[in-house]
Amino acid sequence: MAENLKITQAQQENTSDFGRAHSEKLQALARGMVSGLYMLVRSVKMYDPDNAVFEKPLTQLQDIINQIISKEGRLELVGVKDSFYLNGMLVKVDLNSIENQRYLLTELRAKDVGGFTLTKPVTLPELKNFVWIFSKEQTATAEEDGLAARKLLNMKVAKFSKLREKLSKEADKLDNPDDQKVDRKKYAMTVYARAVYFLTKYLESVRAGKPLNSSKALRIIQDFVDISYDQKTHFLGMTTMKREAEYLVYHQVNVALISIVFGSELGLTKPQLRDLGYIALFHDAGMVTIPDELSTKRGALTPDEKALIQKAPLISVRNILMEKGFTRSTLLRVVTTFEHKADFGTAVRDSRGNIQMIIPKTNLGVYAKIIAIADAYDALTSKRPYRDAYGPEVALMLMWTEMRSKFDPELLQIFMRVMAIQPVKVLSKRQQNMSLAGV
């Protein structure tokens, strides 16, 4: 019996629950699993699952599934629109496999099945019971407890009729856009509060020397990205909600928000915005280990104090490296966490001391340049023990004059226009062609 197999609802429309970072090893296993399922579902239209032809492909699929469970501790595969997600990660297939994937999704949904979840190693009988649902002899969809003759213990089949009802309610919301707008604003506030709560717990764990797994914040960041597309004005307005006593928490959440809005104006895709926001949310986590009296000190720092503060980015990087696995995404987080602290270039001044041009020092990544600008802006507009908060206009003026060499001048110009909350895209035709190769 399929005691550990759980079928989940066909989630064709809702992609907001998925936002996990890319993992190449997991991608390879996921592609193998989808391919194996396709072969089995296609074959069951011609042969009974008890046929010897199923022995090898069932064994191969069992091995792949159990590898994933061993690596991840669980397995959740769901079909969303035209794609599969494994444990929240989009499964990327090559062009030659797209039609096979579509076929598999169609067959699953014909039986009102959106995917399956496993928390323990799967057995061959369990897999065979699952495949039986799609056999040529089965004309009815599976009930909530599976096929009549092959009950699936601890398994719940979600009916697509329930999803239709949900979609109908969503359509009703579209007929009342004013109500929906209010709900979106409330939801934006809820997500902001969740981010503050999570980061508070995360920084407490960093201070204790046992940082939490930061990947739990990916769902929050995905919500930020989705909200920013239609609630930009209100979205940026949330960054004014600050508590001086909890500066570091609110500062990092605000930098993530500002970076996402800025990145969207630069034309970054949603996956890129998710990566950018994720990095920004933890960009200065190492500062939580700096003594309060030092981080809030009035006046100039001594050389020893400066050296101590300069170690904060190293602590942030250490926390990243302590997390499970090392992927391209991990490397990007490490590099960006270092780079956003570096000055963009050297200022060339005229005889009056005015900046004439900025000579770049190094080729910084786009994420680092965006976070550096968002970081400085939120810091300047925040009240600190040693000064009052600057207004937005004053902060931007300081960034363009005294601090200008710290930022990419072209990006800073765009940022200054973005913060005016203009109702249209702010990029010029030339700027819209700007290369994002550094991402």
Protein backbone atom coordinates (compact mmCIF):
# COMPACT_ATOMS: atom_id res chain seq x y z
CA MET A 1 0.00 0.00 0.00
CA ALA A 2 1.12 3.54 -0.66
CA GLU A 3 1.32 4.44 3.00
CA ASN A 4 3.72 7.32 2.58
CA LEU A 5 2.44 8.74 -0.68
CA LYS A 6 0.32 11.87 -0.58
CA ILE A 7 -1.33 13.34 -3.65
CA THR A 8 -1.72 17.10 -3.62
CA GLN A 9 -4.21 19.40 -5.24
CA ALA A 10 -3.75 20.39 -8.88
CA GLN A 11 -2.32 23.87 -8.48
CA GLN A 12 -2.52 25.22 -11.98
CA GLU A 13 -2.91 28.87 -11.22
CA ASN A 14 -1.15 29.77 -8.00
CA THR A 15 2.60 30.21 -8.33
CA SER A 16 3.11 32.32 -5.21
CA ASP A 17 3.95 29.35 -2.99
CA PHE A 18 7.06 28.58 -4.97
CA GLY A 19 10.29 30.50 -4.79
CA ARG A 20 13.15 28.26 -3.81
CA ALA A 21 16.67 28.92 -5.01
CA HIS A 22 18.13 26.89 -7.87
CA SER A 23 20.11 23.73 -6.99
CA GLU A 24 21.88 22.02 -9.89
CA LYS A 25 22.04 18.60 -8.22
CA LEU A 26 18.38 18.74 -7.24
CA GLN A 27 17.52 19.92 -10.76
CA ALA A 28 19.15 16.82 -12.25
CA LEU A 29 17.23 14.53 -9.91
CA ALA A 30 13.98 16.42 -10.59
CA ARG A 31 14.37 16.11 -14.34
CA GLY A 32 15.03 12.39 -13.96
CA MET A 33 11.93 11.99 -11.80
CA VAL A 34 9.67 13.88 -14.24
CA SER A 35 11.07 11.87 -17.14
CA GLY A 36 10.51 8.60 -15.24
CA LEU A 37 6.93 9.55 -14.39
CA TYR A 38 6.26 10.43 -18.03
CA MET A 39 7.50 7.03 -19.23
CA LEU A 40 5.39 5.18 -16.65
CA VAL A 41 2.19 7.15 -17.25
CA ARG A 42 2.59 6.76 -21.00
CA SER A 43 3.30 3.03 -20.72
CA VAL A 44 0.34 2.38 -18.41
CA LYS A 45 -1.94 3.31 -21.31
CA MET A 46 -0.68 0.16 -23.09
CA TYR A 47 0.26 -2.29 -20.31
CA ASP A 48 -0.91 -3.13 -16.79
CA PRO A 49 1.44 -1.93 -14.05
CA ASP A 50 1.96 -5.60 -13.05
CA ASN A 51 3.63 -6.24 -16.41
CA ALA A 52 7.35 -7.04 -16.28
CA VAL A 53 8.04 -4.05 -18.54
CA PHE A 54 7.49 -1.79 -15.51
CA GLU A 55 10.09 -3.41 -13.26
CA LYS A 56 13.14 -1.46 -14.44
CA PRO A 57 11.53 2.01 -14.79
CA LEU A 58 9.80 1.62 -11.42
CA THR A 59 13.09 0.70 -9.77
CA GLN A 60 14.86 3.63 -11.42
CA LEU A 61 12.16 6.05 -10.30
CA GLN A 62 12.24 4.61 -6.78
CA ASP A 63 15.99 5.24 -6.62
CA ILE A 64 15.64 8.86 -7.78
CA ILE A 65 12.80 9.61 -5.38
CA ASN A 66 14.66 8.12 -2.42
CA GLN A 67 17.79 10.09 -3.30
CA ILE A 68 15.73 13.28 -3.15
CA ILE A 69 14.18 12.30 0.18
CA SER A 70 17.60 11.44 1.58
CA LYS A 71 18.95 14.82 0.47
CA GLU A 72 15.93 16.97 1.32
CA GLY A 73 14.11 15.08 4.06
CA ARG A 74 10.89 15.24 2.02
CA LEU A 75 9.63 15.33 -1.54
CA GLU A 76 6.82 17.49 -2.87
CA LEU A 77 6.19 17.58 -6.61
CA VAL A 78 3.37 19.79 -7.88
CA GLY A 79 2.24 20.91 -11.31
CA VAL A 80 1.71 24.67 -11.68
CA LYS A 81 0.50 25.98 -15.04
CA ASP A 82 2.90 24.43 -17.57
CA SER A 83 5.66 23.54 -15.12
CA PHE A 84 6.58 21.29 -12.22
CA TYR A 85 7.97 22.47 -8.90
CA LEU A 86 10.00 20.20 -6.62
CA ASN A 87 10.07 21.33 -2.99
CA GLY A 88 9.33 24.86 -4.15
CA MET A 89 11.98 24.89 -6.89
CA LEU A 90 11.03 25.28 -10.56
CA VAL A 91 12.05 22.16 -12.51
CA LYS A 92 13.80 23.36 -15.66
CA VAL A 93 13.52 20.99 -18.64
CA ASP A 94 15.17 21.27 -22.05
CA LEU A 95 13.21 22.08 -25.21
CA ASN A 96 13.07 18.44 -26.29
CA SER A 97 11.26 17.49 -23.08
CA ILE A 98 8.63 20.26 -23.00
CA GLU A 99 6.01 18.26 -24.89
CA ASN A 100 6.58 15.23 -22.63
CA GLN A 101 6.07 17.46 -19.59
CA ARG A 102 2.85 18.86 -21.02
CA TYR A 103 1.58 15.33 -21.70
CA LEU A 104 2.32 14.28 -18.14
CA LEU A 105 0.62 17.36 -16.68
CA THR A 106 -2.46 16.72 -18.83
CA GLU A 107 -2.71 13.09 -17.71
CA LEU A 108 -2.29 14.01 -14.04
CA ARG A 109 -4.97 16.67 -14.20
CA ALA A 110 -7.35 14.37 -16.06
CA LYS A 111 -7.37 12.34 -12.83
CA ASP A 112 -7.55 15.49 -10.70
CA VAL A 113 -3.99 14.96 -9.44
CA GLY A 114 -1.64 17.89 -9.07
CA GLY A 115 1.41 16.04 -7.72
CA PHE A 116 2.52 14.06 -4.69
CA THR A 117 4.35 14.33 -1.40
CA LEU A 118 6.63 11.82 0.30
CA THR A 119 8.21 12.05 3.73
CA LYS A 120 9.71 8.53 3.88
CA PRO A 121 11.53 6.34 1.32
CA VAL A 122 9.10 5.05 -1.27
CA THR A 123 8.60 1.33 -1.95
CA LEU A 124 7.90 -0.32 -5.31
CA PRO A 125 4.33 -1.34 -4.30
CA GLU A 126 3.64 2.28 -3.36
CA LEU A 127 4.82 3.53 -6.73
CA LYS A 128 2.83 0.87 -8.53
CA ASN A 129 -0.35 1.89 -6.68
CA PHE A 130 0.22 5.45 -7.79
CA VAL A 131 0.74 4.43 -11.43
CA TRP A 132 -2.48 2.34 -11.35
CA ILE A 133 -4.48 5.58 -11.09
CA PHE A 134 -3.56 6.37 -14.71
CA SER A 135 -3.93 2.87 -16.18
CA LYS A 136 -5.97 2.28 -19.35
CA GLU A 137 -8.62 0.39 -17.33
CA GLN A 138 -9.38 3.34 -15.08
CA THR A 139 -12.07 5.59 -16.48
CA ALA A 140 -12.98 7.44 -13.28
CA THR A 141 -10.84 9.95 -11.41
CA ALA A 142 -9.36 8.93 -8.09
CA GLU A 143 -11.46 9.67 -5.02
CA GLU A 144 -10.04 11.36 -1.96
CA ASP A 145 -8.72 8.04 -0.66
CA GLY A 146 -7.49 6.74 -4.02
CA LEU A 147 -8.79 3.90 -6.18
CA ALA A 148 -11.55 1.72 -4.72
CA ALA A 149 -9.50 -1.49 -4.99
CA ARG A 150 -6.19 0.15 -4.13
CA LYS A 151 -6.76 2.48 -1.20
CA LEU A 152 -3.94 4.88 -0.45
CA LEU A 153 -3.48 5.23 3.30
CA ASN A 154 -2.43 8.65 4.61
CA MET A 155 -3.15 10.09 1.21
CA LYS A 156 -5.61 12.78 0.25
CA VAL A 157 -6.62 13.42 -3.35
CA ALA A 158 -7.64 17.03 -3.95
CA LYS A 159 -10.57 17.44 -6.37
CA PHE A 160 -10.20 19.94 -9.16
CA SER A 161 -13.80 21.07 -8.57
CA LYS A 162 -12.58 22.73 -5.38
CA LEU A 163 -9.92 24.59 -7.33
CA ARG A 164 -12.57 25.79 -9.81
CA GLU A 165 -14.54 27.19 -6.88
CA LYS A 166 -11.48 29.02 -5.64
CA LEU A 167 -10.77 30.47 -9.08
CA SER A 168 -14.38 31.60 -9.32
CA LYS A 169 -13.98 33.56 -6.09
CA GLU A 170 -10.79 35.15 -7.44
CA ALA A 171 -12.72 36.20 -10.56
CA ASP A 172 -15.32 37.87 -8.33
CA LYS A 173 -12.55 39.91 -6.73
CA LEU A 174 -11.58 41.23 -10.15
CA ASP A 175 -15.11 42.59 -10.49
CA ASN A 176 -14.51 44.62 -7.32
CA PRO A 177 -11.03 46.13 -7.83
CA ASP A 178 -11.43 48.69 -5.02
CA ASP A 179 -12.00 45.93 -2.48
CA GLN A 180 -9.11 43.97 -3.92
CA LYS A 181 -6.84 47.00 -3.64
CA VAL A 182 -7.63 47.36 0.05
CA ASP A 183 -6.96 43.67 0.59
CA ARG A 184 -3.61 43.93 -1.21
CA LYS A 185 -2.57 46.81 1.00
CA LYS A 186 -3.49 44.86 4.11
CA TYR A 187 -1.63 41.85 2.79
CA ALA A 188 1.43 44.00 2.05
CA MET A 189 1.44 45.13 5.68
CA THR A 190 1.11 41.52 6.82
CA VAL A 191 4.06 40.40 4.71
CA TYR A 192 6.16 43.30 6.00
CA ALA A 193 5.37 42.29 9.58
CA ARG A 194 6.28 38.68 8.80
CA ALA A 195 9.62 39.82 7.40
CA VAL A 196 10.36 41.87 10.51
CA TYR A 197 9.44 38.94 12.78
CA PHE A 198 11.54 36.44 10.83
CA LEU A 199 14.57 38.73 10.67
CA THR A 200 14.32 39.44 14.39
CA LYS A 201 14.54 35.70 15.08
CA TYR A 202 17.32 35.28 12.51
CA LEU A 203 19.49 38.02 14.02
CA GLU A 204 18.95 36.56 17.48
CA SER A 205 20.25 33.23 16.16
CA VAL A 206 23.26 34.95 14.57
CA ARG A 207 24.06 36.68 17.85
CA ALA A 208 23.91 33.27 19.54
CA GLY A 209 26.31 31.83 16.97
CA LYS A 210 23.74 29.40 15.51
CA PRO A 211 22.16 31.14 12.50
CA LEU A 212 18.81 29.85 11.27
CA ASN A 213 18.39 28.58 7.71
CA SER A 214 17.79 31.78 5.75
CA SER A 215 16.00 29.95 2.90
CA LYS A 216 12.81 30.11 4.99
CA ALA A 217 12.62 33.78 4.00
CA LEU A 218 12.30 33.00 0.27
CA ARG A 219 8.51 32.79 0.53
CA ILE A 220 8.41 36.26 2.11
CA ILE A 221 10.68 37.68 -0.59
CA GLN A 222 8.51 36.16 -3.32
CA ASP A 223 5.51 37.95 -1.76
CA PHE A 224 7.48 41.21 -1.78
CA VAL A 225 8.23 40.76 -5.48
CA ASP A 226 4.59 40.04 -6.34
CA ILE A 227 3.28 42.98 -4.30
CA SER A 228 5.79 45.45 -5.76
CA TYR A 229 4.34 45.03 -9.24
CA ASP A 230 0.96 46.62 -8.47
CA GLN A 231 1.42 48.40 -5.13
CA LYS A 232 4.71 50.26 -5.61
CA THR A 233 3.64 53.51 -3.91
CA HIS A 234 2.27 51.79 -0.82
CA PHE A 235 5.13 49.30 -0.93
CA LEU A 236 7.78 52.00 -0.57
CA GLY A 237 5.62 53.78 1.99
CA MET A 238 6.05 50.85 4.36
CA THR A 239 9.77 51.62 4.67
CA THR A 240 8.91 54.61 6.86
CA MET A 241 7.74 52.25 9.62
CA LYS A 242 10.87 52.13 11.77
CA ARG A 243 11.77 51.64 15.41
CA GLU A 244 15.06 53.19 16.43
CA ALA A 245 15.67 50.48 19.04
CA GLU A 246 15.38 47.80 16.35
CA TYR A 247 17.22 49.69 13.62
CA LEU A 248 19.11 46.75 12.12
CA VAL A 249 15.97 44.61 11.66
CA TYR A 250 13.93 47.34 9.99
CA HIS A 251 16.92 48.56 8.00
CA GLN A 252 17.53 45.18 6.37
CA VAL A 253 13.85 44.63 5.57
CA ASN A 254 13.62 48.15 4.10
CA VAL A 255 16.73 47.67 1.98
CA ALA A 256 15.20 44.49 0.58
CA LEU A 257 11.97 46.35 -0.29
CA ILE A 258 13.74 49.31 -1.86
CA SER A 259 16.08 47.04 -3.82
CA ILE A 260 13.16 45.08 -5.26
CA VAL A 261 11.31 48.22 -6.42
CA PHE A 262 14.52 49.69 -7.84
CA GLY A 263 15.40 46.41 -9.55
CA SER A 264 11.96 46.18 -11.15
CA GLU A 265 12.47 49.64 -12.69
CA LEU A 266 15.79 48.41 -14.11
CA GLY A 267 13.96 45.58 -15.88
CA LEU A 268 15.05 42.65 -13.71
CA THR A 269 12.90 39.54 -14.02
CA LYS A 270 10.88 38.19 -11.09
CA PRO A 271 13.45 35.40 -10.39
CA GLN A 272 16.23 38.03 -10.43
CA LEU A 273 14.22 40.28 -8.11
CA ARG A 274 13.69 37.34 -5.77
CA ASP A 275 17.46 36.69 -5.67
CA LEU A 276 18.18 40.41 -5.20
CA GLY A 277 15.66 40.80 -2.38
CA TYR A 278 16.88 37.60 -0.69
CA ILE A 279 20.48 38.83 -0.66
CA ALA A 280 19.46 42.32 0.48
CA LEU A 281 17.43 40.98 3.40
CA PHE A 282 20.60 39.56 4.98
CA HIS A 283 23.14 42.01 3.54
CA ASP A 284 24.24 43.41 6.92
CA ALA A 285 23.40 40.56 9.30
CA GLY A 286 26.96 40.47 10.64
CA MET A 287 26.44 43.89 12.26
CA VAL A 288 24.28 42.26 14.93
CA THR A 289 27.50 40.91 16.50
CA ILE A 290 28.95 44.43 16.89
CA PRO A 291 28.52 45.88 20.42
CA ASP A 292 25.65 48.39 20.61
CA GLU A 293 27.87 51.09 22.07
CA LEU A 294 30.10 50.85 19.02
CA SER A 295 27.40 50.73 16.34
CA THR A 296 25.69 53.77 17.89
CA LYS A 297 28.83 55.70 18.85
CA ARG A 298 28.86 59.47 18.41
CA GLY A 299 31.90 60.92 16.71
CA ALA A 300 34.78 59.32 14.84
CA LEU A 301 35.79 55.69 15.31
CA THR A 302 39.26 54.63 16.38
CA PRO A 303 41.32 52.41 14.01
CA ASP A 304 40.57 49.39 16.21
CA GLU A 305 36.85 50.15 16.18
CA LYS A 306 36.87 50.55 12.40
CA ALA A 307 38.64 47.19 12.06
CA LEU A 308 36.00 45.53 14.23
CA ILE A 309 33.13 46.94 12.15
CA GLN A 310 34.89 45.92 8.94
CA LYS A 311 34.67 42.31 10.15
CA ALA A 312 30.86 42.40 10.00
CA PRO A 313 30.67 41.48 6.29
CA LEU A 314 32.93 38.49 7.00
CA ILE A 315 30.44 37.30 9.61
CA SER A 316 27.58 37.70 7.12
CA VAL A 317 29.52 35.62 4.60
CA ARG A 318 30.37 33.01 7.22
CA ASN A 319 26.67 32.59 7.97
CA ILE A 320 25.96 32.02 4.28
CA LEU A 321 28.70 29.41 4.00
CA MET A 322 27.40 27.61 7.10
CA GLU A 323 24.16 26.78 5.30
CA LYS A 324 23.66 23.42 3.62
CA GLY A 325 25.10 23.05 0.12
CA PHE A 326 27.10 25.40 -2.09
CA THR A 327 25.52 26.46 -5.36
CA ARG A 328 25.84 29.27 -7.89
CA SER A 329 23.23 31.14 -5.86
CA THR A 330 25.38 30.77 -2.73
CA LEU A 331 28.39 32.17 -4.58
CA LEU A 332 26.33 35.13 -5.80
CA ARG A 333 25.20 35.86 -2.24
CA VAL A 334 28.79 35.73 -0.95
CA VAL A 335 30.16 38.01 -3.68
CA THR A 336 27.32 40.54 -3.42
CA THR A 337 27.57 40.68 0.38
CA PHE A 338 31.24 41.68 0.00
CA GLU A 339 30.87 43.95 -3.02
CA HIS A 340 28.04 46.17 -1.77
CA LYS A 341 30.44 47.59 0.83
CA ALA A 342 33.00 48.65 -1.82
CA ASP A 343 33.02 52.16 -3.29
CA PHE A 344 32.07 52.24 -6.96
CA GLY A 345 34.90 54.59 -7.97
CA THR A 346 37.13 57.59 -7.34
CA ALA A 347 35.77 61.14 -7.68
CA VAL A 348 37.56 63.58 -9.98
CA ARG A 349 37.01 67.13 -8.72
CA ASP A 350 37.53 70.57 -10.21
CA SER A 351 39.35 73.50 -8.57
CA ARG A 352 36.25 74.32 -6.53
CA GLY A 353 35.95 70.82 -5.18
CA ASN A 354 32.92 69.88 -7.27
CA ILE A 355 32.77 66.36 -8.66
CA GLN A 356 33.29 66.33 -12.41
CA MET A 357 33.31 62.59 -13.01
CA ILE A 358 33.61 59.21 -11.31
CA ILE A 359 36.33 56.77 -12.36
CA PRO A 360 35.21 53.19 -11.60
CA LYS A 361 37.59 51.20 -9.38
CA THR A 362 36.35 47.73 -10.28
CA ASN A 363 33.56 45.93 -12.10
CA LEU A 364 30.96 45.47 -9.38
CA GLY A 365 27.90 43.29 -9.93
CA VAL A 366 24.51 44.91 -10.55
CA TYR A 367 23.02 43.42 -7.37
CA ALA A 368 25.82 44.93 -5.27
CA LYS A 369 25.39 48.36 -6.86
CA ILE A 370 21.62 48.31 -6.30
CA ILE A 371 21.93 47.22 -2.65
CA ALA A 372 24.64 49.83 -1.97
CA ILE A 373 22.29 52.61 -3.07
CA ALA A 374 19.26 51.22 -1.21
CA ASP A 375 21.41 50.66 1.90
CA ALA A 376 22.71 54.23 1.99
CA TYR A 377 19.30 55.77 1.32
CA ASP A 378 17.53 53.89 4.11
CA ALA A 379 20.40 54.57 6.54
CA LEU A 380 20.28 58.30 5.82
CA THR A 381 16.50 58.51 6.20
CA SER A 382 16.58 56.62 9.53
CA LYS A 383 16.94 58.25 12.94
CA ARG A 384 20.11 57.21 14.74
CA PRO A 385 21.34 57.93 18.29
CA TYR A 386 23.96 60.34 16.93
CA ARG A 387 21.69 62.26 14.48
CA ASP A 388 18.12 62.80 13.35
CA ALA A 389 16.78 61.23 10.17
CA TYR A 390 17.33 63.17 6.95
CA GLY A 391 14.38 63.83 4.69
CA PRO A 392 14.31 62.02 1.32
CA GLU A 393 15.38 65.12 -0.63
CA VAL A 394 18.32 65.83 1.67
CA ALA A 395 19.38 62.17 1.66
CA LEU A 396 19.38 62.03 -2.14
CA MET A 397 21.30 65.32 -2.31
CA LEU A 398 23.98 63.96 0.03
CA MET A 399 24.23 60.78 -2.02
CA TRP A 400 24.67 62.82 -5.23
CA THR A 401 27.26 65.21 -3.75
CA GLU A 402 29.35 64.11 -0.77
CA MET A 403 28.79 60.34 -1.24
CA ARG A 404 28.57 60.17 -5.04
CA SER A 405 31.78 58.18 -5.56
CA LYS A 406 30.29 55.29 -3.59
CA PHE A 407 27.64 54.56 -6.22
CA ASP A 408 27.28 53.91 -9.92
CA PRO A 409 26.32 57.45 -11.11
CA GLU A 410 23.94 56.21 -13.80
CA LEU A 411 22.11 53.91 -11.41
CA LEU A 412 21.99 56.66 -8.78
CA GLN A 413 20.33 59.01 -11.27
CA ILE A 414 17.69 56.39 -12.02
CA PHE A 415 17.19 55.74 -8.31
CA MET A 416 16.59 59.43 -7.62
CA ARG A 417 13.81 59.39 -10.21
CA VAL A 418 12.39 56.09 -8.94
CA MET A 419 12.04 57.49 -5.42
CA ALA A 420 9.79 60.21 -6.81
CA ILE A 421 7.25 57.34 -7.26
CA GLN A 422 6.53 58.25 -10.84
CA PRO A 423 3.49 56.55 -12.43
CA VAL A 424 5.43 55.52 -15.54
CA LYS A 425 8.71 53.76 -16.22
CA VAL A 426 11.62 56.10 -15.53
CA LEU A 427 14.25 54.58 -17.81
CA SER A 428 15.31 56.40 -20.95
CA LYS A 429 15.56 54.45 -24.19
CA ARG A 430 19.35 54.23 -23.79
CA GLN A 431 19.10 53.14 -20.16
CA GLN A 432 16.56 50.46 -21.04
CA ASN A 433 19.30 48.79 -23.06
CA MET A 434 21.69 48.75 -20.14
CA SER A 435 23.51 45.43 -19.77
CA LEU A 436 22.64 43.35 -16.72
CA ALA A 437 25.46 40.89 -17.37
CA GLY A 438 26.74 41.41 -13.85
CA VAL A 439 23.65 39.70 -12.40
